[in-house]
C-alpha atoms as a PDB file:
ATOM      1  CA  MET A   1      34.687 -36.895 -24.255  1.00  0.00           C
ATOM      2  CA  ASN A   2      31.802 -39.044 -23.342  1.00  0.00           C
ATOM      3  CA  GLY A   3      28.705 -40.342 -25.591  1.00  0.00           C
ATOM      4  CA  ARG A   4      26.840 -37.762 -24.963  1.00  0.00           C
ATOM      5  CA  HIS A   5      29.521 -35.086 -26.377  1.00  0.00           C
ATOM      6  CA  LEU A   6      29.860 -37.798 -29.582  1.00  0.00           C
ATOM      7  CA  VAL A   7      26.182 -37.625 -30.373  1.00  0.00           C
ATOM      8  CA  VAL A   8      25.970 -33.987 -30.013  1.00  0.00           C
ATOM      9  CA  LEU A   9      28.887 -33.820 -32.654  1.00  0.00           C
ATOM     10  CA  GLY A  10      27.155 -36.229 -34.767  1.00  0.00           C
ATOM     11  CA  VAL A  11      24.192 -34.038 -34.866  1.00  0.00           C
ATOM     12  CA  VAL A  12      26.546 -31.174 -35.760  1.00  0.00           C
ATOM     13  CA  VAL A  13      28.193 -32.769 -38.254  1.00  0.00           C
ATOM     14  CA  GLY A  14      25.034 -33.949 -39.597  1.00  0.00           C
ATOM     15  CA  LEU A  15      23.592 -30.839 -39.631  1.00  0.00           C
ATOM     16  CA  PHE A  16      26.192 -28.729 -41.699  1.00  0.00           C
ATOM     17  CA  SER A  17      26.113 -31.514 -44.071  1.00  0.00           C
ATOM     18  CA  LEU A  18      22.710 -30.951 -44.587  1.00  0.00           C
ATOM     19  CA  LEU A  19      23.383 -27.377 -44.968  1.00  0.00           C
ATOM     20  CA  ILE A  20      26.097 -27.544 -47.520  1.00  0.00           C
ATOM     21  CA  TYR A  21      23.900 -30.149 -49.674  1.00  0.00           C
ATOM     22  CA  GLY A  22      20.696 -27.615 -49.122  1.00  0.00           C
ATOM     23  CA  GLY A  23      23.391 -24.684 -50.287  1.00  0.00           C
ATOM     24  CA  ILE A  24      24.188 -26.586 -53.396  1.00  0.00           C
ATOM     25  CA  GLN A  25      21.011 -28.999 -54.535  1.00  0.00           C
ATOM     26  CA  TRP A  26      18.341 -26.625 -53.220  1.00  0.00           C
ATOM     27  CA  LYS A  27      19.944 -22.825 -53.563  1.00  0.00           C
ATOM     28  CA  TRP A  28      19.161 -22.101 -49.793  1.00  0.00           C
ATOM     29  CA  GLY A  29      19.769 -18.609 -48.574  1.00  0.00           C
ATOM     30  CA  LEU A  30      20.408 -17.084 -45.337  1.00  0.00           C
ATOM     31  CA  ASN A  31      17.187 -17.811 -43.905  1.00  0.00           C
ATOM     32  CA  GLN A  32      17.095 -21.786 -44.467  1.00  0.00           C
ATOM     33  CA  SER A  33      20.653 -21.493 -43.103  1.00  0.00           C
ATOM     34  CA  ALA A  34      19.665 -19.410 -39.984  1.00  0.00           C
ATOM     35  CA  ALA A  35      16.401 -22.464 -39.227  1.00  0.00           C
ATOM     36  CA  LEU A  36      19.016 -24.920 -39.800  1.00  0.00           C
ATOM     37  CA  PHE A  37      21.048 -23.269 -36.773  1.00  0.00           C
ATOM     38  CA  ILE A  38      18.497 -23.132 -34.940  1.00  0.00           C
ATOM     39  CA  TRP A  39      17.380 -26.317 -35.234  1.00  0.00           C
ATOM     40  CA  MET A  40      21.601 -27.588 -34.993  1.00  0.00           C
ATOM     41  CA  ALA A  41      20.768 -25.766 -31.220  1.00  0.00           C
ATOM     42  CA  ILE A  42      17.911 -27.618 -29.894  1.00  0.00           C
ATOM     43  CA  LEU A  43      18.953 -30.732 -31.314  1.00  0.00           C
ATOM     44  CA  GLY A  44      22.510 -30.757 -29.905  1.00  0.00           C
ATOM     45  CA  GLY A  45      20.911 -29.180 -26.270  1.00  0.00           C
ATOM     46  CA  LEU A  46      18.121 -32.579 -26.355  1.00  0.00           C
ATOM     47  CA  CYS A  47      20.806 -34.387 -26.772  1.00  0.00           C
ATOM     48  CA  TYR A  48      23.446 -33.635 -24.433  1.00  0.00           C
ATOM     49  CA  GLY A  49      20.323 -33.973 -21.983  1.00  0.00           C
ATOM     50  CA  PHE A  50      19.614 -30.004 -21.321  1.00  0.00           C
ATOM     51  CA  SER A  51      15.341 -29.430 -20.912  1.00  0.00           C
ATOM     52  CA  PRO A  52      13.937 -27.019 -23.325  1.00  0.00           C
ATOM     53  CA  ASN A  53      14.499 -24.584 -20.210  1.00  0.00           C
ATOM     54  CA  LYS A  54      18.366 -24.925 -19.963  1.00  0.00           C
ATOM     55  CA  ILE A  55      18.148 -24.311 -23.719  1.00  0.00           C
ATOM     56  CA  ALA A  56      16.215 -21.378 -24.128  1.00  0.00           C
ATOM     57  CA  ILE A  57      18.764 -19.945 -21.347  1.00  0.00           C
ATOM     58  CA  GLU A  58      22.145 -21.149 -22.696  1.00  0.00           C
ATOM     59  CA  PHE A  59      20.570 -19.490 -25.999  1.00  0.00           C
ATOM     60  CA  ILE A  60      19.631 -16.213 -24.179  1.00  0.00           C
ATOM     61  CA  ASP A  61      22.850 -16.444 -23.101  1.00  0.00           C
ATOM     62  CA  GLY A  62      24.985 -16.934 -26.018  1.00  0.00           C
ATOM     63  CA  ALA A  63      22.762 -14.121 -27.624  1.00  0.00           C
ATOM     64  CA  LYS A  64      23.581 -11.037 -24.898  1.00  0.00           C
ATOM     65  CA  LYS A  65      27.177 -11.337 -26.765  1.00  0.00           C
ATOM     66  CA  LEU A  66      25.902 -10.877 -30.316  1.00  0.00           C
ATOM     67  CA  THR A  67      23.753  -8.326 -29.458  1.00  0.00           C
ATOM     68  CA  PHE A  68      25.841  -5.206 -29.510  1.00  0.00           C
ATOM     69  CA  GLY A  69      27.028  -6.200 -33.578  1.00  0.00           C
ATOM     70  CA  ALA A  70      23.617  -6.617 -34.500  1.00  0.00           C
ATOM     71  CA  LEU A  71      22.497  -2.865 -33.447  1.00  0.00           C
ATOM     72  CA  ILE A  72      26.278  -1.614 -35.349  1.00  0.00           C
ATOM     73  CA  ILE A  73      25.027  -3.594 -38.297  1.00  0.00           C
ATOM     74  CA  GLY A  74      21.104  -2.369 -37.784  1.00  0.00           C
ATOM     75  CA  PHE A  75      22.721   0.823 -37.660  1.00  0.00           C
ATOM     76  CA  ALA A  76      25.009   0.789 -40.858  1.00  0.00           C
ATOM     77  CA  ARG A  77      21.977  -0.927 -43.019  1.00  0.00           C
ATOM     78  CA  ALA A  78      19.682   2.167 -42.518  1.00  0.00           C
ATOM     79  CA  ILE A  79      22.564   4.812 -43.088  1.00  0.00           C
ATOM     80  CA  SER A  80      23.201   2.559 -46.298  1.00  0.00           C
ATOM     81  CA  ILE A  81      19.575   2.611 -47.059  1.00  0.00           C
ATOM     82  CA  ILE A  82      19.519   6.444 -46.594  1.00  0.00           C
ATOM     83  CA  LEU A  83      22.184   6.804 -48.295  1.00  0.00           C
ATOM     84  CA  THR A  84      20.995   4.982 -51.627  1.00  0.00           C
ATOM     85  CA  ASP A  85      17.260   5.389 -51.506  1.00  0.00           C
ATOM     86  CA  GLY A  86      17.966   9.472 -50.858  1.00  0.00           C
ATOM     87  CA  HIS A  87      20.632   9.314 -53.964  1.00  0.00           C
ATOM     88  CA  ILE A  88      23.240  10.682 -51.574  1.00  0.00           C
ATOM     89  CA  LEU A  89      25.375   7.575 -52.530  1.00  0.00           C
ATOM     90  CA  ASP A  90      25.421   7.937 -56.381  1.00  0.00           C
ATOM     91  CA  THR A  91      26.290  11.667 -55.796  1.00  0.00           C
ATOM     92  CA  VAL A  92      29.028  10.372 -53.968  1.00  0.00           C
ATOM     93  CA  VAL A  93      30.375   7.888 -56.029  1.00  0.00           C
ATOM     94  CA  PHE A  94      29.953  10.068 -58.922  1.00  0.00           C
ATOM     95  CA  TYR A  95      32.391  12.940 -57.773  1.00  0.00           C
ATOM     96  CA  LEU A  96      35.119  10.628 -56.276  1.00  0.00           C
ATOM     97  CA  GLY A  97      34.815   8.757 -59.399  1.00  0.00           C
ATOM     98  CA  GLY A  98      35.730  11.986 -60.955  1.00  0.00           C
ATOM     99  CA  ALA A  99      38.042  13.299 -59.175  1.00  0.00           C
ATOM    100  CA  LEU A 100      40.404  10.442 -60.032  1.00  0.00           C
ATOM    101  CA  GLY A 101      40.577  11.492 -63.781  1.00  0.00           C
ATOM    102  CA  ALA A 102      42.648  14.698 -62.033  1.00  0.00           C
ATOM    103  CA  LEU A 103      45.161  12.415 -60.394  1.00  0.00           C
ATOM    104  CA  PRO A 104      48.160  11.620 -61.958  1.00  0.00           C
ATOM    105  CA  SER A 105      48.231   8.199 -63.927  1.00  0.00           C
ATOM    106  CA  LEU A 106      50.786   6.741 -61.421  1.00  0.00           C
ATOM    107  CA  ILE A 107      48.267   6.915 -58.562  1.00  0.00           C
ATOM    108  CA  GLN A 108      45.293   6.830 -60.605  1.00  0.00           C
ATOM    109  CA  GLY A 109      45.210   2.969 -60.058  1.00  0.00           C
ATOM    110  CA  THR A 110      45.441   3.555 -55.895  1.00  0.00           C
ATOM    111  CA  GLY A 111      43.498   6.394 -56.029  1.00  0.00           C
ATOM    112  CA  MET A 112      40.230   3.878 -58.020  1.00  0.00           C
ATOM    113  CA  PHE A 113      41.715   1.112 -54.816  1.00  0.00           C
ATOM    114  CA  LEU A 114      41.004   3.677 -52.080  1.00  0.00           C
ATOM    115  CA  THR A 115      37.743   4.944 -53.460  1.00  0.00           C
ATOM    116  CA  GLN A 116      36.452   1.569 -53.105  1.00  0.00           C
ATOM    117  CA  LEU A 117      37.707   1.601 -49.779  1.00  0.00           C
ATOM    118  CA  ILE A 118      35.515   4.340 -48.945  1.00  0.00           C
ATOM    119  CA  VAL A 119      32.572   3.712 -50.763  1.00  0.00           C
ATOM    120  CA  ASN A 120      32.988  -0.001 -48.588  1.00  0.00           C
ATOM    121  CA  GLY A 121      32.601   1.882 -45.378  1.00  0.00           C
ATOM    122  CA  LEU A 122      29.018   2.953 -46.454  1.00  0.00           C
ATOM    123  CA  ILE A 123      28.027  -0.438 -47.999  1.00  0.00           C
ATOM    124  CA  THR A 124      29.330  -3.132 -47.082  1.00  0.00           C
ATOM    125  CA  SER A 125      27.294  -5.838 -49.372  1.00  0.00           C
ATOM    126  CA  GLY A 126      29.746  -6.959 -52.376  1.00  0.00           C
ATOM    127  CA  SER A 127      27.509  -6.883 -54.759  1.00  0.00           C
ATOM    128  CA  GLY A 128      25.582  -3.643 -53.557  1.00  0.00           C
ATOM    129  CA  GLN A 129      28.666  -2.115 -53.339  1.00  0.00           C
ATOM    130  CA  ALA A 130      30.017  -3.297 -57.084  1.00  0.00           C
ATOM    131  CA  ALA A 131      25.934  -2.411 -58.223  1.00  0.00           C
ATOM    132  CA  ALA A 132      26.519   1.661 -56.608  1.00  0.00           C
ATOM    133  CA  THR A 133      29.829   1.652 -58.351  1.00  0.00           C
ATOM    134  CA  MET A 134      30.805  -0.099 -60.955  1.00  0.00           C
ATOM    135  CA  PRO A 135      28.640   1.538 -63.896  1.00  0.00           C
ATOM    136  CA  ILE A 136      30.744   4.544 -62.892  1.00  0.00           C
ATOM    137  CA  MET A 137      33.729   3.176 -62.362  1.00  0.00           C
ATOM    138  CA  PHE A 138      34.748   1.415 -65.633  1.00  0.00           C
ATOM    139  CA  PRO A 139      33.772   4.725 -67.756  1.00  0.00           C
ATOM    140  CA  VAL A 140      36.141   6.447 -66.023  1.00  0.00           C
ATOM    141  CA  ALA A 141      38.705   3.895 -65.997  1.00  0.00           C
ATOM    142  CA  ASP A 142      37.978   3.649 -69.919  1.00  0.00           C
ATOM    143  CA  MET A 143      38.457   8.246 -69.989  1.00  0.00           C
ATOM    144  CA  ILE A 144      41.645   7.580 -68.173  1.00  0.00           C
ATOM    145  CA  GLY A 145      43.216   4.539 -70.137  1.00  0.00           C
ATOM    146  CA  MET A 146      42.651   2.244 -67.568  1.00  0.00           C
ATOM    147  CA  THR A 147      41.970  -1.047 -68.099  1.00  0.00           C
ATOM    148  CA  ARG A 148      38.415  -2.867 -66.819  1.00  0.00           C
ATOM    149  CA  GLN A 149      40.258  -5.592 -65.597  1.00  0.00           C
ATOM    150  CA  THR A 150      42.405  -3.252 -62.960  1.00  0.00           C
ATOM    151  CA  ALA A 151      39.390  -1.134 -61.922  1.00  0.00           C
ATOM    152  CA  ILE A 152      37.697  -4.712 -61.295  1.00  0.00           C
ATOM    153  CA  LEU A 153      41.189  -5.669 -58.739  1.00  0.00           C
ATOM    154  CA  ALA A 154      40.681  -2.048 -57.079  1.00  0.00           C
ATOM    155  CA  PHE A 155      37.082  -2.831 -56.325  1.00  0.00           C
ATOM    156  CA  ASN A 156      38.324  -6.079 -55.121  1.00  0.00           C
ATOM    157  CA  PHE A 157      40.690  -4.773 -52.830  1.00  0.00           C
ATOM    158  CA  GLY A 158      38.444  -1.870 -51.683  1.00  0.00           C
ATOM    159  CA  ASP A 159      35.693  -3.913 -50.956  1.00  0.00           C
ATOM    160  CA  GLY A 160      37.356  -7.042 -49.221  1.00  0.00           C
ATOM    161  CA  LEU A 161      40.102  -5.552 -47.213  1.00  0.00           C
ATOM    162  CA  SER A 162      38.504  -3.294 -45.021  1.00  0.00           C
ATOM    163  CA  ASN A 163      36.400  -5.917 -43.926  1.00  0.00           C
ATOM    164  CA  TYR A 164      38.469  -6.853 -41.202  1.00  0.00           C
ATOM    165  CA  ILE A 165      38.049  -3.864 -39.389  1.00  0.00           C
ATOM    166  CA  LEU A 166      34.853  -2.139 -40.432  1.00  0.00           C
ATOM    167  CA  PRO A 167      32.341  -2.163 -37.063  1.00  0.00           C
ATOM    168  CA  THR A 168      29.922  -3.000 -39.850  1.00  0.00           C
ATOM    169  CA  SER A 169      30.968  -6.153 -40.913  1.00  0.00           C
ATOM    170  CA  SER A 170      28.127  -8.482 -40.493  1.00  0.00           C
ATOM    171  CA  ALA A 171      31.050 -11.300 -40.577  1.00  0.00           C
ATOM    172  CA  LEU A 172      33.607  -9.407 -38.628  1.00  0.00           C
ATOM    173  CA  MET A 173      31.630  -8.743 -35.628  1.00  0.00           C
ATOM    174  CA  GLY A 174      30.000 -12.363 -35.788  1.00  0.00           C
ATOM    175  CA  PHE A 175      33.162 -13.728 -35.355  1.00  0.00           C
ATOM    176  CA  LEU A 176      34.606 -11.695 -32.804  1.00  0.00           C
ATOM    177  CA  ALA A 177      31.148 -12.057 -30.836  1.00  0.00           C
ATOM    178  CA  VAL A 178      31.699 -16.048 -31.251  1.00  0.00           C
ATOM    179  CA  ALA A 179      35.466 -16.008 -29.899  1.00  0.00           C
ATOM    180  CA  ASN A 180      34.394 -13.631 -27.386  1.00  0.00           C
ATOM    181  CA  ILE A 181      36.941 -10.437 -28.475  1.00  0.00           C
ATOM    182  CA  ARG A 182      35.761  -7.232 -28.313  1.00  0.00           C
ATOM    183  CA  TYR A 183      36.349  -4.394 -30.848  1.00  0.00           C
ATOM    184  CA  ASP A 184      38.517  -2.839 -28.660  1.00  0.00           C
ATOM    185  CA  GLN A 185      40.554  -5.302 -28.249  1.00  0.00           C
ATOM    186  CA  TRP A 186      40.667  -6.265 -32.031  1.00  0.00           C
ATOM    187  CA  MET A 187      41.625  -3.197 -33.340  1.00  0.00           C
ATOM    188  CA  PRO A 188      45.449  -2.485 -31.509  1.00  0.00           C
ATOM    189  CA  TYR A 189      46.311  -6.125 -33.558  1.00  0.00           C
ATOM    190  CA  MET A 190      44.424  -5.691 -36.632  1.00  0.00           C
ATOM    191  CA  TRP A 191      45.190  -1.592 -37.725  1.00  0.00           C
ATOM    192  CA  LYS A 192      48.696  -2.311 -38.160  1.00  0.00           C
ATOM    193  CA  LEU A 193      48.401  -5.411 -40.352  1.00  0.00           C
ATOM    194  CA  PHE A 194      45.809  -3.461 -42.460  1.00  0.00           C
ATOM    195  CA  LEU A 195      48.184  -0.641 -43.370  1.00  0.00           C
ATOM    196  CA  ILE A 196      50.977  -3.394 -44.500  1.00  0.00           C
ATOM    197  CA  TRP A 197      47.622  -4.525 -46.726  1.00  0.00           C
ATOM    198  CA  ILE A 198      46.510  -1.253 -47.825  1.00  0.00           C
ATOM    199  CA  VAL A 199      50.118  -0.844 -48.994  1.00  0.00           C
ATOM    200  CA  THR A 200      50.725  -3.961 -50.809  1.00  0.00           C
ATOM    201  CA  GLY A 201      47.155  -3.035 -52.394  1.00  0.00           C
ATOM    202  CA  SER A 202      48.145   0.090 -53.728  1.00  0.00           C
ATOM    203  CA  VAL A 203      51.098  -1.323 -55.070  1.00  0.00           C
ATOM    204  CA  LEU A 204      49.820  -4.255 -56.952  1.00  0.00           C
ATOM    205  CA  VAL A 205      46.914  -2.140 -58.313  1.00  0.00           C
ATOM    206  CA  THR A 206      49.232   0.340 -59.234  1.00  0.00           C
ATOM    207  CA  VAL A 207      51.536  -2.073 -60.745  1.00  0.00           C
ATOM    208  CA  ALA A 208      47.864  -3.038 -62.773  1.00  0.00           C
ATOM    209  CA  ASN A 209      47.618   0.186 -63.839  1.00  0.00           C
ATOM    210  CA  LEU A 210      51.302   0.724 -65.198  1.00  0.00           C
ATOM    211  CA  THR A 211      51.016  -2.853 -67.067  1.00  0.00           C
ATOM    212  CA  GLY A 212      47.909  -2.936 -68.756  1.00  0.00           C
ATOM    213  CA  TYR A 213      46.474  -5.362 -66.836  1.00  0.00           C
ATOM    214  CA  GLY A 214      43.726  -7.345 -68.879  1.00  0.00           C
ATOM    215  CA  PRO A 215      43.335  -8.530 -71.278  1.00  0.00           C
ATOM    216  CA  PHE A 216      39.896  -6.514 -70.555  1.00  0.00           C
END
Protein backbone atom coordinates (compact mmCIF):
# COMPACT_ATOMS: atom_id res chain seq x y z
CA MET A 1 0.00 0.00 0.00
CA ASN A 2 1.51 3.30 -1.08
CA GLY A 3 0.78 6.90 -0.13
CA ARG A 4 -1.96 7.34 -2.71
CA HIS A 5 -3.79 4.33 -1.37
CA LEU A 6 -3.70 5.83 2.11
CA VAL A 7 -5.06 9.15 0.85
CA VAL A 8 -7.93 7.41 -0.98
CA LEU A 9 -8.62 5.32 2.11
CA GLY A 10 -8.75 8.52 4.15
CA VAL A 11 -11.28 10.02 1.71
CA VAL A 12 -13.47 6.92 1.97
CA VAL A 13 -13.34 6.83 5.78
CA GLY A 14 -13.96 10.57 6.03
CA LEU A 15 -16.96 10.58 3.72
CA PHE A 16 -18.41 7.46 5.31
CA SER A 17 -18.14 9.23 8.67
CA LEU A 18 -19.96 12.20 7.13
CA LEU A 19 -22.61 9.82 5.78
CA ILE A 20 -23.22 8.36 9.24
CA TYR A 21 -23.33 11.80 10.85
CA GLY A 22 -25.63 13.14 8.14
CA GLY A 23 -28.00 10.20 8.51
CA ILE A 24 -28.24 10.63 12.27
CA GLN A 25 -28.12 14.41 12.70
CA TRP A 26 -29.46 15.76 9.40
CA LYS A 27 -31.83 12.89 8.52
CA TRP A 28 -30.20 12.25 5.16
CA GLY A 29 -32.03 9.92 2.82
CA LEU A 30 -31.17 8.03 -0.35
CA ASN A 31 -30.73 11.17 -2.47
CA GLN A 32 -28.11 12.68 -0.17
CA SER A 33 -26.37 9.31 0.26
CA ALA A 34 -26.20 8.79 -3.51
CA ALA A 35 -24.72 12.26 -4.02
CA LEU A 36 -22.12 11.58 -1.34
CA PHE A 37 -21.07 8.31 -2.98
CA ILE A 38 -20.62 10.09 -6.30
CA TRP A 39 -18.39 12.66 -4.62
CA MET A 40 -16.51 9.81 -2.95
CA ALA A 41 -15.80 8.30 -6.38
CA ILE A 42 -14.70 11.65 -7.85
CA LEU A 43 -12.49 12.69 -4.94
CA GLY A 44 -11.04 9.20 -4.60
CA GLY A 45 -10.15 9.14 -8.28
CA LEU A 46 -8.55 12.58 -8.19
CA CYS A 47 -6.53 11.71 -5.09
CA TYR A 48 -5.29 8.55 -6.80
CA GLY A 49 -4.12 10.59 -9.78
CA PHE A 50 -6.85 9.75 -12.27
CA SER A 51 -7.85 12.35 -14.82
CA PRO A 52 -11.53 13.37 -15.03
CA ASN A 53 -11.79 11.35 -18.25
CA LYS A 54 -10.33 8.27 -16.56
CA ILE A 55 -12.73 8.66 -13.63
CA ALA A 56 -15.67 8.82 -16.04
CA ILE A 57 -14.48 5.71 -17.90
CA GLU A 58 -14.07 3.74 -14.67
CA PHE A 59 -17.48 4.92 -13.45
CA ILE A 60 -19.17 3.78 -16.66
CA ASP A 61 -17.37 0.44 -16.53
CA GLY A 62 -18.59 -0.13 -12.99
CA ALA A 63 -22.13 1.00 -13.81
CA LYS A 64 -22.35 -1.64 -16.55
CA LYS A 65 -22.41 -4.33 -13.87
CA LEU A 66 -25.39 -2.69 -12.16
CA THR A 67 -27.50 -2.06 -15.25
CA PHE A 68 -29.27 -5.44 -15.30
CA GLY A 69 -30.18 -5.21 -11.63
CA ALA A 70 -31.39 -1.63 -12.05
CA LEU A 71 -33.64 -2.63 -14.96
CA ILE A 72 -35.10 -5.54 -12.99
CA ILE A 73 -35.79 -3.26 -10.02
CA GLY A 74 -37.38 -0.66 -12.31
CA PHE A 75 -39.68 -3.20 -13.95
CA ALA A 76 -40.60 -4.64 -10.55
CA ARG A 77 -41.44 -1.17 -9.25
CA ALA A 78 -43.63 -0.56 -12.30
CA ILE A 79 -45.52 -3.79 -11.63
CA SER A 80 -45.91 -2.84 -7.96
CA ILE A 81 -47.34 0.58 -8.89
CA ILE A 82 -49.84 -0.98 -11.31
CA LEU A 83 -50.96 -3.52 -8.71
CA THR A 84 -51.26 -0.89 -5.98
CA ASP A 85 -52.85 2.00 -7.88
CA GLY A 86 -55.18 -0.37 -9.70
CA HIS A 87 -56.29 -1.78 -6.32
CA ILE A 88 -55.43 -5.23 -7.61
CA LEU A 89 -53.08 -5.89 -4.72
CA ASP A 90 -55.79 -5.08 -2.17
CA THR A 91 -57.95 -7.80 -3.69
CA VAL A 92 -55.08 -10.31 -3.67
CA VAL A 93 -54.21 -9.58 -0.04
CA PHE A 94 -57.89 -9.68 0.98
CA TYR A 95 -58.47 -13.15 -0.42
CA LEU A 96 -55.14 -14.48 0.81
CA GLY A 97 -55.97 -13.19 4.28
CA GLY A 98 -59.51 -14.57 4.13
CA ALA A 99 -58.20 -18.02 3.20
CA LEU A 100 -56.28 -18.16 6.48
CA GLY A 101 -59.51 -18.52 8.43
CA ALA A 102 -60.25 -21.80 6.66
CA LEU A 103 -56.92 -23.36 7.65
CA PRO A 104 -56.53 -25.62 10.71
CA SER A 105 -55.21 -23.71 13.72
CA LEU A 106 -51.99 -25.73 13.63
CA ILE A 107 -50.92 -24.22 10.31
CA GLN A 108 -52.56 -20.79 10.46
CA GLY A 109 -49.28 -19.20 11.55
CA THR A 110 -47.43 -20.86 8.69
CA GLY A 111 -50.19 -19.77 6.33
CA MET A 112 -49.82 -16.13 7.35
CA PHE A 113 -46.04 -16.40 7.00
CA LEU A 114 -46.32 -17.84 3.48
CA THR A 115 -48.91 -15.19 2.56
CA GLN A 116 -46.46 -12.45 3.52
CA LEU A 117 -43.78 -14.30 1.56
CA ILE A 118 -45.93 -14.19 -1.58
CA VAL A 119 -46.80 -10.52 -1.13
CA ASN A 120 -43.12 -9.66 -0.66
CA GLY A 121 -42.52 -10.89 -4.19
CA LEU A 122 -44.83 -8.10 -5.35
CA ILE A 123 -43.83 -5.42 -2.84
CA THR A 124 -40.18 -5.61 -1.79
CA SER A 125 -40.45 -2.47 0.33
CA GLY A 126 -40.95 -3.43 3.98
CA SER A 127 -42.93 -0.30 4.82
CA GLY A 128 -45.01 -0.65 1.65
CA GLN A 129 -45.79 -4.28 2.40
CA ALA A 130 -46.75 -3.44 5.98
CA ALA A 131 -49.08 -0.67 4.80
CA ALA A 132 -50.74 -3.01 2.28
CA THR A 133 -51.09 -6.15 4.41
CA MET A 134 -51.25 -5.37 8.11
CA PRO A 135 -54.59 -3.47 8.05
CA ILE A 136 -56.05 -6.75 6.75
CA MET A 137 -53.89 -9.22 8.67
CA PHE A 138 -54.58 -7.71 12.10
CA PRO A 139 -58.37 -8.21 11.86
CA VAL A 140 -57.81 -11.69 10.42
CA ALA A 141 -55.51 -12.51 13.35
CA ASP A 142 -58.14 -11.25 15.82
CA MET A 143 -60.80 -13.33 14.08
CA ILE A 144 -58.87 -16.61 14.20
CA GLY A 145 -57.54 -16.09 17.73
CA MET A 146 -53.95 -15.30 16.75
CA THR A 147 -52.07 -12.65 18.72
CA ARG A 148 -51.11 -9.55 16.77
CA GLN A 149 -47.50 -10.04 17.79
CA THR A 150 -47.54 -13.42 16.04
CA ALA A 151 -48.94 -11.69 12.95
CA ILE A 152 -46.06 -9.21 13.12
CA LEU A 153 -43.58 -12.08 13.48
CA ALA A 154 -45.05 -13.71 10.36
CA PHE A 155 -44.71 -10.39 8.54
CA ASN A 156 -41.08 -9.98 9.61
CA PHE A 157 -40.17 -13.46 8.38
CA GLY A 158 -42.13 -13.09 5.16
CA ASP A 159 -40.69 -9.68 4.39
CA GLY A 160 -37.10 -10.42 5.37
CA LEU A 161 -36.17 -13.95 4.32
CA SER A 162 -37.21 -13.82 0.67
CA ASN A 163 -35.16 -10.68 0.05
CA TYR A 164 -32.18 -13.03 -0.31
CA ILE A 165 -33.63 -14.73 -3.39
CA LEU A 166 -35.91 -12.19 -5.09
CA PRO A 167 -34.45 -10.64 -8.25
CA THR A 168 -36.64 -7.61 -7.47
CA SER A 169 -34.71 -6.93 -4.25
CA SER A 170 -32.59 -3.84 -4.86
CA ALA A 171 -30.22 -4.70 -2.01
CA LEU A 172 -29.61 -8.25 -3.25
CA MET A 173 -29.05 -7.27 -6.88
CA GLY A 174 -26.80 -4.41 -5.84
CA PHE A 175 -24.65 -6.62 -3.62
CA LEU A 176 -24.39 -9.32 -6.28
CA ALA A 177 -23.36 -6.74 -8.87
CA VAL A 178 -20.68 -5.28 -6.62
CA ALA A 179 -19.39 -8.78 -5.78
CA ASN A 180 -19.44 -9.68 -9.51
CA ILE A 181 -21.71 -12.67 -8.86
CA ARG A 182 -24.46 -13.48 -11.35
CA TYR A 183 -27.95 -14.23 -10.08
CA ASP A 184 -27.87 -17.68 -11.70
CA GLN A 185 -24.64 -18.38 -9.79
CA TRP A 186 -26.17 -17.21 -6.50
CA MET A 187 -29.38 -19.23 -6.57
CA PRO A 188 -27.94 -22.79 -6.69
CA TYR A 189 -26.31 -22.03 -3.34
CA MET A 190 -29.03 -19.86 -1.82
CA TRP A 191 -32.20 -21.84 -2.53
CA LYS A 192 -31.13 -24.69 -0.23
CA LEU A 193 -30.47 -22.29 2.63
CA PHE A 194 -33.74 -20.50 1.85
CA LEU A 195 -35.69 -23.76 2.20
CA ILE A 196 -34.10 -24.28 5.62
CA TRP A 197 -35.17 -20.76 6.58
CA ILE A 198 -38.72 -21.46 5.36
CA VAL A 199 -38.98 -24.57 7.53
CA THR A 200 -37.42 -22.82 10.53
CA GLY A 201 -39.65 -19.77 10.14
CA SER A 202 -42.75 -21.96 9.81
CA VAL A 203 -41.88 -23.84 12.99
CA LEU A 204 -41.23 -20.64 14.94
CA VAL A 205 -44.45 -18.96 13.79
CA THR A 206 -46.43 -22.13 14.57
CA VAL A 207 -44.96 -22.29 18.08
CA ALA A 208 -45.69 -18.59 18.56
CA ASN A 209 -49.30 -19.10 17.47
CA LEU A 210 -49.88 -22.16 19.66
CA THR A 211 -48.31 -20.55 22.74
CA GLY A 212 -50.09 -17.21 22.35
CA TYR A 213 -46.92 -15.21 21.72
CA GLY A 214 -47.55 -11.76 23.13
CA PRO A 215 -48.21 -9.70 25.13
CA PHE A 216 -50.25 -8.09 22.33
